[in-house]
């Protein structure tokens, strides 16, 4: 195996930088798509409106898994930020193995006690994104690689639901065994993707010059980073929380929303999400041509604002019957992910590059993730205490309206803050008093 690894490394080191970027982008996309089979496959089942402890059984599963996933995101603030890129591959395979075994226990254990295994399933999965993205960050082509990886959030959701439904319709597989069987189909491809990522070359010196060297961040570095960008980080976390809430509602209860629209079809999830993924990928990838980091950071904000406008505008048109349900699901999904994907791919990448921070994406990204999933958890609980007459479809519509108005406005404020912050730093550099330096080398603005 080591001989094969060495041969692969020699071959890949002979590739030009663009070819390496394509290889990393496709591999990261496939890796995270495979991860989704362990996380979201159970949402393809309806569980026949069963209840447990007075709560809808499927909702209970979503909440329990989200608790584990949310705890993982909070732990990831430290774990991902301090990760020195050692044993990343082993961590990824270990995390997925724990998640898969939990799905086996979920299938074998009788209801209602099997729900606890969704908690064990969710915790390891929360750290997969940060570990996989660490192979991509800090490179000249991080935009395109991050965009390709990030659209897996859209594409994988539809693909895994379609795969889960297909398994139950084609084979004698129950709703309880379907998540484990879906994970089985994607386990070996996931391991193969991790092996490819492990054997890919590190960022070049030119990458470090253009995008700032990425280093592990200790507790002091993280505190100083937060202190320097406190208003902007708070705004970003709040915006991301709202996006996470409506994205999770759409993702977890997409089947119920389609049923509200009276649109059926096993492949409808993959078709609609596939179209959205391609459009978002193209728009995000175009930012690679923008070499100026501040200009790109501004354009990312504009993209997020446009996403809120599309989501809110299309929902208004659907609410007053100017467009049909299929068009609405396409447009609201496009707007939602046009705003959501940048935070998972390029927002923090360009932020670090703009202000030349010697740090890494993991800290601020997982800070946003953890609060985002906490907000999503609270919204799920809120929905459950509402009357049964409030369906997931109508609840989703109200969330989109509210989020589009508030999120669009706060995104504009965020844009103004970060632009003024950059202007202030530039003025200090022109009239230096004392360079900002923490621990001499760990975190710097140059």
Protein backbone atom coordinates (compact mmCIF):
# COMPACT_ATOMS: atom_id res chain seq x y z
CA UNK A 1 0.00 0.00 0.00
CA UNK A 2 2.85 2.34 0.75
CA UNK A 3 4.36 1.61 -2.64
CA UNK A 4 1.11 2.54 -4.34
CA UNK A 5 0.89 5.70 -2.22
CA UNK A 6 4.44 6.71 -3.16
CA UNK A 7 3.76 6.13 -6.86
CA UNK A 8 0.61 8.24 -6.65
CA UNK A 9 2.45 11.05 -4.88
CA UNK A 10 5.10 11.05 -7.58
CA UNK A 11 2.48 11.20 -10.31
CA UNK A 12 0.49 13.98 -8.66
CA UNK A 13 3.62 16.03 -7.96
CA UNK A 14 4.21 16.05 -11.69
CA UNK A 15 0.81 17.65 -12.32
CA UNK A 16 0.46 21.39 -12.80
CA UNK A 17 -1.28 23.47 -10.14
CA UNK A 18 -4.61 23.64 -12.00
CA UNK A 19 -4.76 19.88 -12.40
CA UNK A 20 -4.07 19.42 -8.69
CA UNK A 21 -6.89 21.88 -7.91
CA UNK A 22 -9.33 19.92 -10.10
CA UNK A 23 -8.33 16.66 -8.44
CA UNK A 24 -8.75 18.10 -4.93
CA UNK A 25 -12.06 19.76 -5.81
CA UNK A 26 -13.66 16.62 -7.24
CA UNK A 27 -12.30 14.44 -4.43
CA UNK A 28 -13.57 16.79 -1.69
CA UNK A 29 -16.97 16.95 -3.41
CA UNK A 30 -17.26 13.18 -3.56
CA UNK A 31 -15.96 12.79 -0.01
CA UNK A 32 -18.60 15.06 1.50
CA UNK A 33 -21.31 13.63 -0.73
CA UNK A 34 -20.48 10.21 0.70
CA UNK A 35 -20.63 11.63 4.23
CA UNK A 36 -24.21 12.73 3.62
CA UNK A 37 -25.27 9.10 3.21
CA UNK A 38 -24.50 8.59 6.90
CA UNK A 39 -26.21 11.79 8.03
CA UNK A 40 -29.31 12.49 5.95
CA UNK A 41 -30.47 9.16 4.53
CA UNK A 42 -33.03 8.62 7.31
CA UNK A 43 -34.88 11.80 6.25
CA UNK A 44 -35.96 9.97 3.05
CA UNK A 45 -38.35 7.95 5.23
CA UNK A 46 -41.64 9.25 6.59
CA UNK A 47 -42.02 6.65 9.41
CA UNK A 48 -45.80 6.74 8.88
CA UNK A 49 -46.41 9.68 11.21
CA UNK A 50 -45.35 7.68 14.27
CA UNK A 51 -44.95 9.49 17.57
CA UNK A 52 -42.63 9.04 20.52
CA UNK A 53 -42.98 10.79 23.88
CA UNK A 54 -45.70 12.91 22.28
CA UNK A 55 -43.38 14.10 19.50
CA UNK A 56 -43.51 13.09 15.84
CA UNK A 57 -41.01 10.22 15.50
CA UNK A 58 -39.18 11.67 12.49
CA UNK A 59 -38.96 15.09 14.14
CA UNK A 60 -37.56 13.37 17.23
CA UNK A 61 -34.88 11.67 15.12
CA UNK A 62 -33.95 14.97 13.48
CA UNK A 63 -33.72 16.72 16.87
CA UNK A 64 -31.66 13.94 18.50
CA UNK A 65 -29.20 13.79 15.61
CA UNK A 66 -28.96 17.57 15.51
CA UNK A 67 -28.05 17.67 19.21
CA UNK A 68 -25.09 15.39 18.54
CA UNK A 69 -24.14 17.35 15.44
CA UNK A 70 -24.43 20.66 17.31
CA UNK A 71 -22.27 19.45 20.21
CA UNK A 72 -19.71 18.35 17.65
CA UNK A 73 -19.64 21.83 16.12
CA UNK A 74 -18.96 23.41 19.52
CA UNK A 75 -16.16 20.91 20.15
CA UNK A 76 -14.87 21.60 16.65
CA UNK A 77 -14.16 25.25 17.52
CA UNK A 78 -11.15 23.97 19.46
CA UNK A 79 -10.45 20.68 17.68
CA UNK A 80 -10.45 21.97 14.09
CA UNK A 81 -8.71 25.27 14.92
CA UNK A 82 -5.88 23.49 16.75
CA UNK A 83 -5.55 20.65 14.25
CA UNK A 84 -2.01 20.56 12.84
CA UNK A 85 -3.00 18.40 9.87
CA UNK A 86 -1.59 15.26 11.42
CA UNK A 87 -3.68 12.09 11.22
CA UNK A 88 -6.49 13.87 9.33
CA UNK A 89 -7.16 10.80 7.21
CA UNK A 90 -7.33 8.48 10.21
CA UNK A 91 -9.66 10.86 12.01
CA UNK A 92 -12.01 10.98 9.01
CA UNK A 93 -12.24 7.21 8.64
CA UNK A 94 -12.69 6.75 12.40
CA UNK A 95 -15.47 9.36 12.53
CA UNK A 96 -17.37 7.81 9.62
CA UNK A 97 -16.98 4.30 11.08
CA UNK A 98 -18.49 5.39 14.40
CA UNK A 99 -21.38 7.04 12.56
CA UNK A 100 -22.04 3.95 10.42
CA UNK A 101 -21.96 1.56 13.38
CA UNK A 102 -24.46 3.86 15.12
CA UNK A 103 -26.83 3.42 12.16
CA UNK A 104 -26.50 -0.36 12.55
CA UNK A 105 -27.42 -0.06 16.23
CA UNK A 106 -30.35 2.19 15.25
CA UNK A 107 -31.68 -0.56 12.97
CA UNK A 108 -31.18 -3.39 15.48
CA UNK A 109 -32.39 -1.70 18.66
CA UNK A 110 -36.19 -1.59 19.25
CA UNK A 111 -38.07 1.69 19.16
CA UNK A 112 -38.08 4.09 21.05
CA UNK A 113 -34.62 3.34 22.47
CA UNK A 114 -33.00 3.32 19.04
CA UNK A 115 -33.28 7.12 18.81
CA UNK A 116 -30.28 7.52 21.13
CA UNK A 117 -28.05 6.09 18.40
CA UNK A 118 -28.87 9.07 16.18
CA UNK A 119 -27.12 11.19 18.82
CA UNK A 120 -24.01 8.99 18.50
CA UNK A 121 -24.39 9.14 14.73
CA UNK A 122 -24.48 12.95 14.63
CA UNK A 123 -21.52 13.78 16.87
CA UNK A 124 -18.64 12.41 14.73
CA UNK A 125 -20.13 13.78 11.50
CA UNK A 126 -19.96 17.38 12.70
CA UNK A 127 -16.16 17.47 12.36
CA UNK A 128 -15.93 16.00 8.85
CA UNK A 129 -16.40 19.30 7.01
CA UNK A 130 -13.58 21.08 8.81
CA UNK A 131 -11.14 18.22 8.29
CA UNK A 132 -11.93 17.86 4.59
CA UNK A 133 -11.84 21.61 3.94
CA UNK A 134 -8.44 21.86 5.62
CA UNK A 135 -7.00 20.07 2.56
CA UNK A 136 -8.32 22.91 0.36
CA UNK A 137 -7.83 26.15 2.28
CA UNK A 138 -5.01 28.62 1.77
CA UNK A 139 -4.54 27.90 -1.94
CA UNK A 140 -4.77 30.12 -5.00
CA UNK A 141 -7.66 28.00 -6.29
CA UNK A 142 -9.49 27.59 -2.98
CA UNK A 143 -12.56 29.39 -4.43
CA UNK A 144 -13.20 26.85 -7.13
CA UNK A 145 -12.28 23.90 -4.89
CA UNK A 146 -14.40 25.20 -2.01
CA UNK A 147 -17.31 25.95 -4.34
CA UNK A 148 -17.24 22.44 -5.80
CA UNK A 149 -17.10 20.92 -2.32
CA UNK A 150 -19.82 23.21 -0.98
CA UNK A 151 -22.35 22.38 -3.69
CA UNK A 152 -22.25 18.84 -2.35
CA UNK A 153 -24.47 20.29 0.41
CA UNK A 154 -27.11 20.80 -2.28
CA UNK A 155 -26.47 17.88 -4.61
CA UNK A 156 -25.90 15.26 -1.90
CA UNK A 157 -29.15 16.06 -0.12
CA UNK A 158 -31.22 15.16 -3.17
CA UNK A 159 -29.02 12.23 -4.20
CA UNK A 160 -29.07 10.54 -0.79
CA UNK A 161 -32.85 10.94 -0.40
CA UNK A 162 -33.33 9.51 -3.90
CA UNK A 163 -30.98 6.61 -3.09
CA UNK A 164 -32.77 5.87 0.17
CA UNK A 165 -36.19 5.85 -1.49
CA UNK A 166 -34.84 3.64 -4.29
CA UNK A 167 -33.47 1.10 -1.82
CA UNK A 168 -36.81 0.79 -0.04
CA UNK A 169 -38.77 0.48 -3.30
CA UNK A 170 -36.36 -1.98 -4.93
CA UNK A 171 -35.31 -4.24 -2.07
CA UNK A 172 -37.06 -5.60 1.05
CA UNK A 173 -35.43 -2.94 3.22
CA UNK A 174 -37.38 -1.23 6.01
CA UNK A 175 -37.18 2.43 6.93
CA UNK A 176 -35.02 1.48 9.92
CA UNK A 177 -32.44 -0.49 7.92
CA UNK A 178 -32.37 1.91 4.97
CA UNK A 179 -29.91 4.44 6.56
CA UNK A 180 -27.37 1.69 7.35
CA UNK A 181 -27.69 0.18 3.86
CA UNK A 182 -27.33 3.60 2.23
CA UNK A 183 -24.15 4.20 4.22
CA UNK A 184 -22.83 0.79 3.12
CA UNK A 185 -23.06 1.88 -0.54
CA UNK A 186 -20.91 4.95 0.11
CA UNK A 187 -18.40 3.62 2.69
CA UNK A 188 -15.68 2.40 0.32
CA UNK A 189 -15.93 5.47 -1.96
CA UNK A 190 -15.49 7.66 1.14
CA UNK A 191 -12.34 5.77 2.19
CA UNK A 192 -10.98 6.08 -1.34
CA UNK A 193 -11.56 9.85 -1.34
CA UNK A 194 -9.74 10.22 1.99
CA UNK A 195 -6.78 8.30 0.59
CA UNK A 196 -6.62 10.66 -2.39
CA UNK A 197 -6.78 13.74 -0.16
CA UNK A 198 -4.02 12.40 2.07
CA UNK A 199 -1.70 11.94 -0.89
CA UNK A 200 -2.32 15.37 -2.42
CA UNK A 201 0.46 18.01 -2.20
CA UNK A 202 0.41 20.78 0.40
CA UNK A 203 -0.10 24.46 -0.55
CA UNK A 204 2.84 25.96 -2.45
CA UNK A 205 4.90 28.94 -1.36
CA UNK A 206 3.05 31.04 -3.93
CA UNK A 207 -0.26 29.95 -2.37
CA UNK A 208 0.98 31.09 1.04
CA UNK A 209 2.04 34.44 -0.42
CA UNK A 210 -1.31 35.09 -2.13
CA UNK A 211 -3.65 33.73 0.54
CA UNK A 212 -1.62 33.92 3.79
CA UNK A 213 -0.12 30.89 5.49
CA UNK A 214 -2.60 28.81 7.48
CA UNK A 215 -1.50 27.75 10.95
CA UNK A 216 -2.99 26.10 14.03
CA UNK A 217 -4.60 28.55 16.47
CA UNK A 218 -4.21 28.20 20.22
CA UNK A 219 -6.57 29.69 22.80
CA UNK A 220 -4.80 33.07 22.88
CA UNK A 221 -4.81 33.36 19.10
CA UNK A 222 -8.52 32.60 18.91
CA UNK A 223 -9.35 35.21 21.57
CA UNK A 224 -7.33 37.90 19.80
CA UNK A 225 -8.89 37.02 16.44
CA UNK A 226 -12.39 37.32 17.89
CA UNK A 227 -11.54 40.57 19.69
CA UNK A 228 -10.23 42.17 16.50
CA UNK A 229 -13.31 41.32 14.40
CA UNK A 230 -15.94 41.06 17.16
CA UNK A 231 -18.79 43.13 15.54
CA UNK A 232 -18.26 41.48 12.14
CA UNK A 233 -18.09 37.98 13.59
CA UNK A 234 -21.29 38.54 15.60
CA UNK A 235 -23.08 39.77 12.47
CA UNK A 236 -21.77 36.83 10.46
CA UNK A 237 -22.82 34.29 13.08
CA UNK A 238 -26.32 35.78 13.30
CA UNK A 239 -26.78 35.75 9.51
CA UNK A 240 -25.42 32.23 9.23
CA UNK A 241 -27.73 31.04 12.02
CA UNK A 242 -30.79 32.24 10.12
CA UNK A 243 -29.57 30.58 6.93
CA UNK A 244 -28.86 27.33 8.79
CA UNK A 245 -32.38 27.32 10.23
CA UNK A 246 -34.23 27.61 6.90
CA UNK A 247 -31.73 25.36 5.14
CA UNK A 248 -32.21 22.64 7.78
CA UNK A 249 -36.01 22.88 7.65
CA UNK A 250 -35.92 22.55 3.86
CA UNK A 251 -33.39 19.73 3.98
CA UNK A 252 -34.97 17.67 6.76
CA UNK A 253 -38.60 18.12 5.73
CA UNK A 254 -38.29 18.50 1.98
CA UNK A 255 -40.55 15.49 1.44
CA UNK A 256 -43.30 17.11 3.53
CA UNK A 257 -42.92 20.40 1.62
CA UNK A 258 -43.20 18.62 -1.74
CA UNK A 259 -46.29 16.81 -0.48
CA UNK A 260 -47.83 20.16 0.43
CA UNK A 261 -47.28 21.19 -3.19
CA UNK A 262 -48.86 17.91 -4.41
CA UNK A 263 -45.74 17.10 -6.42
CA UNK A 264 -44.47 13.53 -6.31
CA UNK A 265 -41.64 11.62 -7.93
CA UNK A 266 -38.71 9.59 -6.64
CA UNK A 267 -36.14 11.62 -8.56
CA UNK A 268 -37.58 15.11 -7.98
CA UNK A 269 -35.16 15.84 -5.11
CA UNK A 270 -32.03 15.11 -7.12
CA UNK A 271 -33.29 16.92 -10.23
CA UNK A 272 -34.16 20.20 -8.52
CA UNK A 273 -31.15 20.19 -6.20
CA UNK A 274 -28.88 19.24 -9.10
CA UNK A 275 -29.98 22.32 -11.09
CA UNK A 276 -29.48 24.57 -8.05
CA UNK A 277 -26.05 23.06 -7.41
CA UNK A 278 -24.83 23.78 -10.95
CA UNK A 279 -26.04 27.40 -10.91
CA UNK A 280 -24.53 28.15 -7.49
CA UNK A 281 -21.27 26.41 -8.45
CA UNK A 282 -20.88 28.60 -11.54
CA UNK A 283 -21.53 31.84 -9.66
CA UNK A 284 -19.21 31.03 -6.77
CA UNK A 285 -16.48 29.66 -9.03
CA UNK A 286 -16.44 32.87 -11.08
CA UNK A 287 -14.90 34.63 -8.08
CA UNK A 288 -11.64 32.87 -8.84
CA UNK A 289 -10.97 35.46 -11.57
CA UNK A 290 -11.05 38.24 -8.93
CA UNK A 291 -7.48 38.45 -7.64
CA UNK A 292 -8.06 41.40 -5.29
CA UNK A 293 -9.15 39.84 -1.99
CA UNK A 294 -11.11 42.86 -0.74
CA UNK A 295 -13.00 43.18 -4.01
CA UNK A 296 -13.84 39.48 -3.91
CA UNK A 297 -14.96 39.82 -0.28
CA UNK A 298 -17.34 42.63 -1.32
CA UNK A 299 -18.74 40.53 -4.18
CA UNK A 300 -19.36 37.65 -1.79
CA UNK A 301 -21.46 39.95 0.39
CA UNK A 302 -23.42 41.09 -2.68
CA UNK A 303 -24.01 37.45 -3.63
CA UNK A 304 -25.39 36.74 -0.16
CA UNK A 305 -27.69 39.78 -0.29
CA UNK A 306 -28.92 38.70 -3.75
CA UNK A 307 -29.63 35.22 -2.38
CA UNK A 308 -31.85 36.63 0.36
CA UNK A 309 -33.67 38.76 -2.23
CA UNK A 310 -34.31 35.78 -4.54
CA UNK A 311 -35.54 33.56 -1.69
CA UNK A 312 -37.87 36.21 -0.29
CA UNK A 313 -39.06 37.46 -3.69
CA UNK A 314 -39.88 33.99 -5.02
CA UNK A 315 -41.77 33.13 -1.82
CA UNK A 316 -43.82 36.31 -2.18
CA UNK A 317 -44.66 35.41 -5.80
CA UNK A 318 -45.62 31.86 -4.82
CA UNK A 319 -47.71 33.03 -1.87
CA UNK A 320 -49.79 35.17 -4.23
CA UNK A 321 -49.88 32.43 -6.91
CA UNK A 322 -47.78 34.23 -9.51
CA UNK A 323 -45.54 31.14 -9.85
CA UNK A 324 -46.23 27.42 -9.33
CA UNK A 325 -44.84 25.17 -6.60
CA UNK A 326 -42.06 23.63 -8.70
CA UNK A 327 -40.75 27.04 -9.78
CA UNK A 328 -40.91 28.25 -6.19
CA UNK A 329 -38.93 25.28 -4.82
CA UNK A 330 -36.30 25.88 -7.48
CA UNK A 331 -36.07 29.63 -6.87
CA UNK A 332 -36.24 29.55 -3.07
CA UNK A 333 -33.58 26.81 -3.02
CA UNK A 334 -31.40 28.81 -5.39
CA UNK A 335 -31.66 31.96 -3.26
CA UNK A 336 -31.11 30.08 -0.03
CA UNK A 337 -27.97 28.31 -1.23
CA UNK A 338 -26.64 31.37 -3.04
CA UNK A 339 -26.50 32.98 0.41
CA UNK A 340 -25.60 29.84 2.39
CA UNK A 341 -22.84 28.27 0.30
CA UNK A 342 -20.38 31.22 0.48
CA UNK A 343 -20.18 30.83 4.26
CA UNK A 344 -19.21 27.19 3.77
CA UNK A 345 -16.64 27.77 1.06
CA UNK A 346 -15.17 31.20 0.42
CA UNK A 347 -16.43 33.83 2.88
CA UNK A 348 -13.91 33.04 5.61
CA UNK A 349 -11.20 32.14 3.09
CA UNK A 350 -11.33 35.62 1.54
CA UNK A 351 -11.76 37.23 4.95
CA UNK A 352 -8.46 35.79 6.19
CA UNK A 353 -6.73 36.64 2.91
CA UNK A 354 -8.10 40.22 2.91
CA UNK A 355 -6.74 41.04 6.37
CA UNK A 356 -3.64 38.82 6.01
CA UNK A 357 -4.33 36.91 9.20
CA UNK A 358 -1.99 34.04 10.05
CA UNK A 359 -4.76 31.73 11.23
CA UNK A 360 -7.14 29.16 9.75
CA UNK A 361 -10.73 28.92 8.62
CA UNK A 362 -11.65 26.26 11.18
CA UNK A 363 -12.03 28.56 14.20
CA UNK A 364 -14.42 31.19 12.87
CA UNK A 365 -16.25 28.71 10.63
CA UNK A 366 -17.00 26.33 13.50
CA UNK A 367 -17.96 29.23 15.73
CA UNK A 368 -20.64 30.11 13.16
CA UNK A 369 -21.60 26.46 12.69
CA UNK A 370 -22.14 25.79 16.39
CA UNK A 371 -24.42 28.77 16.97
CA UNK A 372 -26.18 28.09 13.68
CA UNK A 373 -27.15 24.56 14.65
CA UNK A 374 -28.16 25.72 18.12
CA UNK A 375 -30.60 28.11 16.45
CA UNK A 376 -31.87 25.35 14.19
CA UNK A 377 -32.42 23.09 17.19
CA UNK A 378 -34.45 25.77 18.99
CA UNK A 379 -36.61 26.35 15.91
CA UNK A 380 -37.39 22.63 15.66
CA UNK A 381 -38.52 22.64 19.29
CA UNK A 382 -40.59 25.78 18.64
CA UNK A 383 -42.36 24.12 15.70
CA UNK A 384 -43.27 21.10 17.82
CA UNK A 385 -45.10 23.20 20.42
CA UNK A 386 -47.18 24.94 17.74
CA UNK A 387 -50.65 23.60 16.83
CA UNK A 388 -50.78 20.64 14.44
CA UNK A 389 -52.52 22.88 11.90
CA UNK A 390 -49.18 24.61 11.28
CA UNK A 391 -47.54 22.37 8.66
CA UNK A 392 -43.85 22.27 7.83
CA UNK A 393 -44.65 23.82 4.47
CA UNK A 394 -46.41 26.87 5.90
CA UNK A 395 -43.81 27.15 8.67
CA UNK A 396 -41.05 27.14 6.07
CA UNK A 397 -42.72 29.94 4.11
CA UNK A 398 -42.92 32.18 7.18
CA UNK A 399 -39.28 31.48 8.05
CA UNK A 400 -38.16 32.43 4.54
CA UNK A 401 -40.06 35.73 4.67
CA UNK A 402 -38.60 36.66 8.06
CA UNK A 403 -35.04 35.54 7.27
CA UNK A 404 -34.94 37.27 3.88
CA UNK A 405 -35.81 40.66 5.34
CA UNK A 406 -33.57 40.51 8.43
CA UNK A 407 -30.73 38.59 6.78
CA UNK A 408 -30.57 40.87 3.75
CA UNK A 409 -30.39 43.96 5.95
CA UNK A 410 -27.72 42.54 8.26
CA UNK A 411 -25.64 41.40 5.28
CA UNK A 412 -25.55 44.99 4.07
CA UNK A 413 -24.40 46.12 7.53
CA UNK A 414 -21.73 43.37 7.48
CA UNK A 415 -20.45 44.63 4.13
CA UNK A 416 -20.10 48.17 5.47
CA UNK A 417 -18.34 46.98 8.63
CA UNK A 418 -15.69 44.87 6.90
CA UNK A 419 -14.95 47.55 4.29
CA UNK A 420 -14.46 50.18 7.00
CA UNK A 421 -12.33 47.73 9.00
CA UNK A 422 -10.02 47.28 6.04
CA UNK A 423 -9.78 51.04 5.51
CA UNK A 424 -8.86 51.47 9.18
CA UNK A 425 -6.12 48.83 8.99
CA UNK A 426 -4.70 50.39 5.82
CA UNK A 427 -4.52 53.80 7.52
CA UNK A 428 -2.65 52.30 10.49
CA UNK A 429 -0.17 50.66 8.13
CA UNK A 430 0.47 54.00 6.44
CA UNK A 431 0.98 55.62 9.85
CA UNK A 432 2.32 52.77 12.00
CA UNK A 433 2.41 53.13 15.75
CA UNK A 434 2.90 49.58 16.86
CA UNK A 435 2.32 46.41 14.82
CA UNK A 436 -0.41 44.09 16.04
CA UNK A 437 1.37 40.96 17.13
CA UNK A 438 0.26 38.05 19.30
CA UNK A 439 2.84 35.56 20.53
CA UNK A 440 5.25 37.03 17.96
CA UNK A 441 4.23 34.65 15.17
CA UNK A 442 0.97 32.86 15.68
CA UNK A 443 -1.45 35.59 14.60
CA UNK A 444 -0.39 38.65 12.64
CA UNK A 445 -1.73 41.37 10.42
CA UNK A 446 0.85 42.30 7.84
